[in-house]
Amino acid sequence: MRGASLSPQKQAAELEQVLNSGMQFLAGLFKMSTGTDFNFKNQKIEIDPVSGEVLMRFKIKP
């Protein structure tokens, strides 16, 4: 298993990248299905490699 050989910091960085890509994907699906831009502003997902806490930050513009 690849993830088992990575340090917690590298695992957190990879997971952050995947989750941020997922947010962009979902925003794209929303736009395709509704024709409306979801307008994520400064969206970012961060993971604390020590505690494993996941922080999701974004603003939704009405």
N, C-alpha and C. Protein backbone atom coordinates (compact mmCIF):
# COMPACT_ATOMS: atom_id res chain seq x y z
N MET A 1 0.86 -1.18 0.00
CA MET A 1 0.00 0.00 0.00
C MET A 1 0.89 1.23 0.00
N ARG A 2 0.71 2.11 -0.96
CA ARG A 2 1.59 3.25 -1.16
C ARG A 2 1.52 4.24 0.00
N GLY A 3 0.33 4.55 0.49
CA GLY A 3 0.17 5.55 1.54
C GLY A 3 0.88 5.19 2.84
N ALA A 4 1.04 3.89 3.09
CA ALA A 4 1.67 3.46 4.33
C ALA A 4 3.15 3.82 4.37
N SER A 5 3.79 3.97 3.21
CA SER A 5 5.22 4.28 3.18
C SER A 5 5.49 5.78 3.23
N LEU A 6 4.47 6.61 3.13
CA LEU A 6 4.65 8.06 3.14
C LEU A 6 4.60 8.60 4.56
N SER A 7 5.32 9.71 4.77
CA SER A 7 5.27 10.37 6.07
C SER A 7 3.89 11.01 6.24
N PRO A 8 3.50 11.29 7.48
CA PRO A 8 2.20 11.94 7.70
C PRO A 8 2.07 13.27 6.96
N GLN A 9 3.18 14.01 6.85
CA GLN A 9 3.13 15.30 6.15
C GLN A 9 2.86 15.09 4.66
N LYS A 10 3.50 14.10 4.05
CA LYS A 10 3.29 13.83 2.63
C LYS A 10 1.90 13.27 2.39
N GLN A 11 1.42 12.42 3.28
CA GLN A 11 0.06 11.90 3.16
C GLN A 11 -0.95 13.04 3.22
N ALA A 12 -0.76 13.96 4.17
CA ALA A 12 -1.67 15.10 4.31
C ALA A 12 -1.62 15.97 3.06
N ALA A 13 -0.43 16.21 2.51
CA ALA A 13 -0.30 17.04 1.31
C ALA A 13 -1.00 16.38 0.12
N GLU A 14 -0.85 15.05 -0.04
CA GLU A 14 -1.52 14.35 -1.14
C GLU A 14 -3.04 14.41 -0.97
N LEU A 15 -3.50 14.19 0.25
CA LEU A 15 -4.94 14.22 0.49
C LEU A 15 -5.50 15.62 0.25
N GLU A 16 -4.77 16.66 0.67
CA GLU A 16 -5.19 18.04 0.40
C GLU A 16 -5.35 18.27 -1.10
N GLN A 17 -4.39 17.80 -1.87
CA GLN A 17 -4.44 17.98 -3.32
C GLN A 17 -5.65 17.28 -3.92
N VAL A 18 -5.91 16.06 -3.48
CA VAL A 18 -7.06 15.31 -3.99
C VAL A 18 -8.37 15.99 -3.60
N LEU A 19 -8.49 16.42 -2.36
CA LEU A 19 -9.73 17.06 -1.91
C LEU A 19 -9.95 18.40 -2.62
N ASN A 20 -8.89 19.18 -2.82
CA ASN A 20 -9.04 20.45 -3.53
C ASN A 20 -9.44 20.21 -4.99
N SER A 21 -8.90 19.17 -5.61
CA SER A 21 -9.30 18.83 -6.97
C SER A 21 -10.78 18.40 -6.99
N GLY A 22 -11.19 17.69 -5.96
CA GLY A 22 -12.58 17.27 -5.86
C GLY A 22 -13.53 18.45 -5.74
N MET A 23 -13.12 19.47 -4.98
CA MET A 23 -13.94 20.68 -4.86
C MET A 23 -14.10 21.36 -6.22
N GLN A 24 -13.02 21.42 -6.97
CA GLN A 24 -13.07 22.04 -8.31
C GLN A 24 -13.97 21.21 -9.23
N PHE A 25 -13.88 19.90 -9.12
CA PHE A 25 -14.71 19.00 -9.92
C PHE A 25 -16.19 19.22 -9.61
N LEU A 26 -16.53 19.28 -8.34
CA LEU A 26 -17.93 19.48 -7.96
C LEU A 26 -18.44 20.84 -8.41
N ALA A 27 -17.60 21.87 -8.32
CA ALA A 27 -18.00 23.19 -8.80
C ALA A 27 -18.24 23.15 -10.31
N GLY A 28 -17.41 22.39 -11.04
CA GLY A 28 -17.60 22.24 -12.48
C GLY A 28 -18.90 21.51 -12.81
N LEU A 29 -19.20 20.46 -12.06
CA LEU A 29 -20.46 19.74 -12.27
C LEU A 29 -21.66 20.64 -12.00
N PHE A 30 -21.57 21.43 -10.95
CA PHE A 30 -22.65 22.35 -10.61
C PHE A 30 -22.88 23.33 -11.76
N LYS A 31 -21.79 23.86 -12.30
CA LYS A 31 -21.90 24.82 -13.40
C LYS A 31 -22.48 24.17 -14.64
N MET A 32 -22.06 22.94 -14.95
CA MET A 32 -22.57 22.24 -16.13
C MET A 32 -24.06 21.92 -15.99
N SER A 33 -24.47 21.55 -14.79
CA SER A 33 -25.86 21.12 -14.61
C SER A 33 -26.83 22.29 -14.44
N THR A 34 -26.34 23.43 -13.95
CA THR A 34 -27.25 24.55 -13.70
C THR A 34 -26.98 25.75 -14.60
N GLY A 35 -25.78 25.79 -15.20
CA GLY A 35 -25.40 26.96 -15.99
C GLY A 35 -24.97 28.13 -15.13
N THR A 36 -24.91 27.90 -13.82
CA THR A 36 -24.53 28.94 -12.88
C THR A 36 -23.18 28.62 -12.27
N ASP A 37 -22.31 29.63 -12.20
CA ASP A 37 -21.02 29.44 -11.55
C ASP A 37 -21.23 29.41 -10.04
N PHE A 38 -20.62 28.43 -9.36
CA PHE A 38 -20.79 28.30 -7.91
C PHE A 38 -20.02 29.37 -7.15
N ASN A 39 -19.06 30.01 -7.81
CA ASN A 39 -18.30 31.13 -7.23
C ASN A 39 -17.63 30.82 -5.91
N PHE A 40 -16.86 29.74 -5.88
CA PHE A 40 -16.03 29.50 -4.70
C PHE A 40 -14.97 30.59 -4.66
N LYS A 41 -14.83 31.24 -3.55
CA LYS A 41 -13.81 32.27 -3.37
C LYS A 41 -12.79 31.77 -2.37
N ASN A 42 -11.53 31.76 -2.77
CA ASN A 42 -10.44 31.34 -1.89
C ASN A 42 -10.68 29.98 -1.26
N GLN A 43 -11.22 29.05 -2.03
CA GLN A 43 -11.49 27.72 -1.48
C GLN A 43 -10.19 26.99 -1.24
N LYS A 44 -10.12 26.30 -0.12
CA LYS A 44 -8.95 25.53 0.20
C LYS A 44 -9.31 24.50 1.27
N ILE A 45 -8.74 23.33 1.11
CA ILE A 45 -8.87 22.30 2.13
C ILE A 45 -7.48 22.05 2.68
N GLU A 46 -7.36 22.09 3.99
CA GLU A 46 -6.08 21.85 4.65
C GLU A 46 -6.24 20.71 5.64
N ILE A 47 -5.18 19.93 5.79
CA ILE A 47 -5.19 18.82 6.73
C ILE A 47 -4.00 18.97 7.66
N ASP A 48 -4.27 18.93 8.95
CA ASP A 48 -3.20 18.98 9.94
C ASP A 48 -2.59 17.58 10.01
N PRO A 49 -1.32 17.43 9.62
CA PRO A 49 -0.72 16.09 9.59
C PRO A 49 -0.56 15.46 10.98
N VAL A 50 -0.53 16.27 12.01
CA VAL A 50 -0.36 15.74 13.37
C VAL A 50 -1.69 15.23 13.92
N SER A 51 -2.72 16.08 13.86
CA SER A 51 -4.02 15.71 14.44
C SER A 51 -4.95 15.02 13.45
N GLY A 52 -4.68 15.21 12.14
CA GLY A 52 -5.57 14.66 11.12
C GLY A 52 -6.81 15.51 10.89
N GLU A 53 -6.89 16.65 11.56
CA GLU A 53 -8.04 17.54 11.42
C GLU A 53 -8.11 18.10 10.00
N VAL A 54 -9.30 18.08 9.43
CA VAL A 54 -9.52 18.59 8.07
C VAL A 54 -10.25 19.92 8.18
N LEU A 55 -9.68 20.96 7.55
CA LEU A 55 -10.29 22.28 7.54
C LEU A 55 -10.70 22.61 6.12
N MET A 56 -11.97 22.95 5.93
CA MET A 56 -12.47 23.34 4.62
C MET A 56 -12.81 24.83 4.70
N ARG A 57 -12.18 25.60 3.81
CA ARG A 57 -12.42 27.05 3.80
C ARG A 57 -12.90 27.46 2.42
N PHE A 58 -14.05 28.14 2.40
CA PHE A 58 -14.53 28.71 1.14
C PHE A 58 -15.63 29.70 1.45
N LYS A 59 -15.80 30.63 0.55
CA LYS A 59 -16.89 31.58 0.62
C LYS A 59 -17.78 31.33 -0.59
N ILE A 60 -19.04 31.38 -0.37
CA ILE A 60 -19.98 31.23 -1.47
C ILE A 60 -20.60 32.58 -1.75
N LYS A 61 -20.36 33.06 -2.95
CA LYS A 61 -20.90 34.36 -3.34
C LYS A 61 -22.33 34.14 -3.83
N PRO A 62 -23.28 34.88 -3.24
CA PRO A 62 -24.68 34.71 -3.65
C PRO A 62 -24.93 35.20 -5.05
